[in-house]
Protein backbone atom coordinates (compact mmCIF):
# COMPACT_ATOMS: atom_id res chain seq x y z
CA MET A 1 140.89 95.21 95.01
CA ASP A 2 137.27 94.46 94.19
CA LEU A 3 135.72 91.09 93.50
CA THR A 4 136.09 91.17 89.69
CA GLU A 5 139.79 92.05 90.02
CA LYS A 6 140.34 89.19 92.43
CA ILE A 7 138.70 86.71 90.04
CA ALA A 8 140.80 88.11 87.17
CA TYR A 9 143.91 87.55 89.27
CA ILE A 10 142.96 83.92 90.03
CA LYS A 11 142.21 83.39 86.31
CA GLY A 12 145.61 84.74 85.47
CA LEU A 13 147.28 82.45 87.99
CA ALA A 14 145.50 79.46 86.51
CA GLU A 15 146.57 80.42 82.99
CA GLY A 16 150.17 80.95 84.16
CA LEU A 17 150.40 77.36 85.38
CA ALA A 18 150.10 76.15 81.80
CA LEU A 19 147.93 73.20 82.87
CA ASP A 20 146.81 70.63 80.33
CA GLU A 21 143.23 71.65 79.52
CA ASN A 22 142.37 68.17 78.44
CA LYS A 23 142.60 66.80 81.98
CA PRO A 24 139.26 66.60 83.85
CA GLU A 25 140.56 68.36 86.96
CA VAL A 26 141.77 71.33 84.87
CA LYS A 27 138.36 71.49 83.15
CA LEU A 28 136.74 71.58 86.61
CA ILE A 29 139.06 74.39 87.84
CA ASN A 30 138.36 76.48 84.69
CA ALA A 31 134.62 75.95 85.02
CA ILE A 32 134.80 77.11 88.71
CA ILE A 33 136.83 80.18 87.68
CA ASP A 34 134.27 81.01 84.92
CA LEU A 35 131.43 80.61 87.43
CA LEU A 36 133.19 82.88 89.95
CA ASP A 37 133.73 85.42 87.14
CA ASP A 38 129.97 85.42 86.31
CA ILE A 39 129.06 85.73 89.97
CA ALA A 40 131.45 88.64 90.40
CA TYR A 41 129.78 90.50 87.50
CA ASP A 42 126.34 89.76 88.88
CA VAL A 43 127.35 91.05 92.29
CA GLN A 44 128.82 94.18 90.61
CA ASP A 45 125.51 94.76 88.81
CA MET A 46 123.52 94.26 92.02
CA GLU A 47 125.78 96.78 93.80
CA GLU A 48 125.11 99.39 91.08
CA LEU A 49 121.38 98.72 91.28
CA TYR A 50 121.57 98.98 95.08
CA ASP A 51 123.25 102.34 94.87
CA GLU A 52 120.55 103.58 92.45
CA LEU A 53 117.80 102.23 94.75
CA SER A 54 119.40 103.82 97.79
CA ALA A 55 119.57 107.18 96.04
CA GLN A 56 115.89 106.87 95.04
CA VAL A 57 114.83 105.93 98.58
CA GLU A 58 116.81 108.86 99.94
CA GLU A 59 114.97 111.21 97.53
CA ILE A 60 111.62 109.73 98.55
CA ASP A 61 112.54 110.17 102.23
CA GLU A 62 113.40 113.82 101.64
CA ASP A 63 110.14 114.36 99.72
CA LEU A 64 108.19 112.60 102.51
CA SER A 65 109.91 114.78 105.06
CA ASP A 66 108.84 117.87 103.14
CA VAL A 67 105.21 116.63 103.01
CA GLU A 68 105.28 115.84 106.75
CA SER A 69 106.59 119.27 107.56
CA GLU A 70 103.83 120.82 105.44
CA LEU A 71 101.14 118.73 107.08
CA TYR A 72 102.25 118.36 110.66
CA ASP A 73 104.45 121.32 111.50
CA ASP A 74 101.47 123.62 111.79
CA GLU A 75 101.49 125.06 115.30
CA ASP A 76 97.69 125.03 115.55
CA TYR A 77 97.65 121.32 114.70
CA ASP A 78 99.93 120.43 117.69
CA ASP A 79 98.01 122.73 120.02
CA ASP A 80 94.67 121.09 119.16
CA PHE A 81 95.85 117.75 120.52
CA ASP A 82 98.22 118.76 123.25
CA ASP A 83 96.10 121.35 125.04
CA ASP A 84 94.07 119.62 127.76
CA ASP A 85 91.67 122.52 128.00
CA ASP A 86 90.54 122.15 124.40
CA TYR A 87 90.11 118.39 124.55
CA ASP A 88 87.17 117.08 126.59
CA ASP A 89 87.52 113.41 127.59
CA ASP A 90 83.81 113.21 128.56
CA ASP A 91 82.86 113.28 124.86
CA ASP A 92 84.67 109.99 124.18
CA VAL A 93 83.44 107.63 126.88
CA PHE A 94 83.52 103.98 125.83
CA TYR A 95 82.21 100.90 127.57
CA GLU A 96 83.23 97.26 127.10
CA VAL A 97 80.25 95.12 126.08
CA THR A 98 80.24 91.32 125.67
CA CYS A 99 78.08 89.92 122.89
CA GLY A 100 75.71 87.28 124.16
CA ALA A 101 75.83 85.32 120.90
CA CYS A 102 79.55 85.08 120.14
CA GLY A 103 81.05 86.06 123.50
CA LYS A 104 83.44 88.62 121.91
CA LYS A 105 84.10 91.87 123.79
CA ILE A 106 83.59 95.12 121.90
CA ASN A 107 84.07 98.77 122.89
CA VAL A 108 80.93 100.82 122.47
CA SER A 109 80.66 104.60 122.86
CA GLU A 110 78.17 106.05 125.34
CA ASP A 111 76.19 107.62 122.40
CA VAL A 112 75.69 104.20 120.79
CA LEU A 113 74.58 102.74 124.11
CA LEU A 114 71.99 105.46 124.55
CA GLU A 115 70.65 104.80 121.05
CA GLY A 116 69.50 101.42 122.35
CA GLU A 117 71.03 98.88 119.91
CA ILE A 118 73.96 97.94 117.77
CA ASN A 119 74.91 95.01 115.50
CA CYS A 120 77.83 92.97 116.82
CA PRO A 121 80.73 93.59 114.36
CA ASN A 122 81.90 90.02 114.85
CA CYS A 123 78.73 87.95 114.33
CA GLY A 124 76.05 90.49 113.30
CA GLU A 125 73.80 89.73 116.27
CA VAL A 126 71.62 92.72 117.36
CA LEU A 127 72.68 93.87 120.82
CA GLU A 128 70.00 95.82 122.65
CA PHE A 129 70.57 98.16 125.59
CA ASP A 130 67.64 98.99 127.85
CA PHE A 131 68.15 101.77 130.36
CA SER A 132 64.50 102.42 131.14
CA ASP A 133 64.86 100.95 134.65
CA LEU A 134 67.62 103.37 135.45
CA PHE A 135 65.63 106.37 134.29
CA ASP A 136 62.47 105.21 136.05
CA GLU A 137 64.24 104.90 139.39
CA ASP A 138 65.53 108.49 139.10
CA ASP A 139 61.94 109.71 138.54
CA GLU A 140 60.69 107.79 141.55
CA ASP A 141 63.35 109.26 143.78
CA ASP A 142 62.30 112.78 142.80
CA GLU A 143 58.63 112.03 143.63
CA ASP A 144 59.55 110.77 147.10
CA CYS A 145 61.85 113.72 147.86
CA ASP A 146 60.72 115.96 150.68
CA GLY A 147 63.41 118.54 150.22
CA ASN A 148 65.47 117.37 153.18
CA CYS A 149 67.27 114.55 151.44
CA ASP A 150 71.04 114.25 150.94
CA ALA A 151 70.52 112.66 147.50
CA CYS A 152 70.14 116.03 145.76
CA ASP A 153 73.39 117.76 144.90
CA VAL A 154 71.70 121.05 144.34
CA LYS A 155 68.66 121.78 146.51
CA GLU A 156 66.97 123.85 143.82
CA ASP A 157 66.65 120.72 141.75
CA CYS A 158 64.65 118.98 144.49
CA GLU A 159 60.92 119.16 143.62
CA GLY A 160 59.68 118.69 147.16
CA LYS A 161 61.71 121.53 148.61
CA ASP A 162 59.84 123.85 150.99
CA GLU A 163 60.40 127.54 150.40
C-alpha cells in the first residue's frame, strides 16, 4: 500500500464515522486529511521525477564512461606516465621560496630561478635571484686547481692537470 492509498483509506474511515461536519474538530480533521492527501500527491510526483532524474544520471554516467574509455584506455597513455625510464624527475625540480614582502612561500622551478626573477603570485613583488657568487666560486676553484685535487670528479675536466 503506497502513501496515496493509505491517505484514501484514512479519508474513507473519517467519512464512515458520519461525523457532524459543522463541528470545529471535524473541520480540523478534514483539513488535516486534505493536507495529507496533497502531500501524498506531491511525494508521488517527486518520486516520478526522481526516477526520471536517476535514469538520466545513469545515461550520463554511461556516456562519461564511454568517453573515459576512449580517452584514457589508450595503452600508450598509461605507459607514458607509469614507465620510470621515460619520465625524468630532474626536469621538474622545484624549490620553496619565501617572498620577502608578504612572507608567503611559493614553489619555483629551477628554470625560473635561473632566469633571475619572478613576480610573487600573492603580492606582485619582484623576487630576484642572484647566483653570480656561486658561479664565480666555481671559476676560482678551477683556476687554483693543480691537477692533484680531489674536487674534480673527472680529471680530464681539471685545467691544471699535468700530462
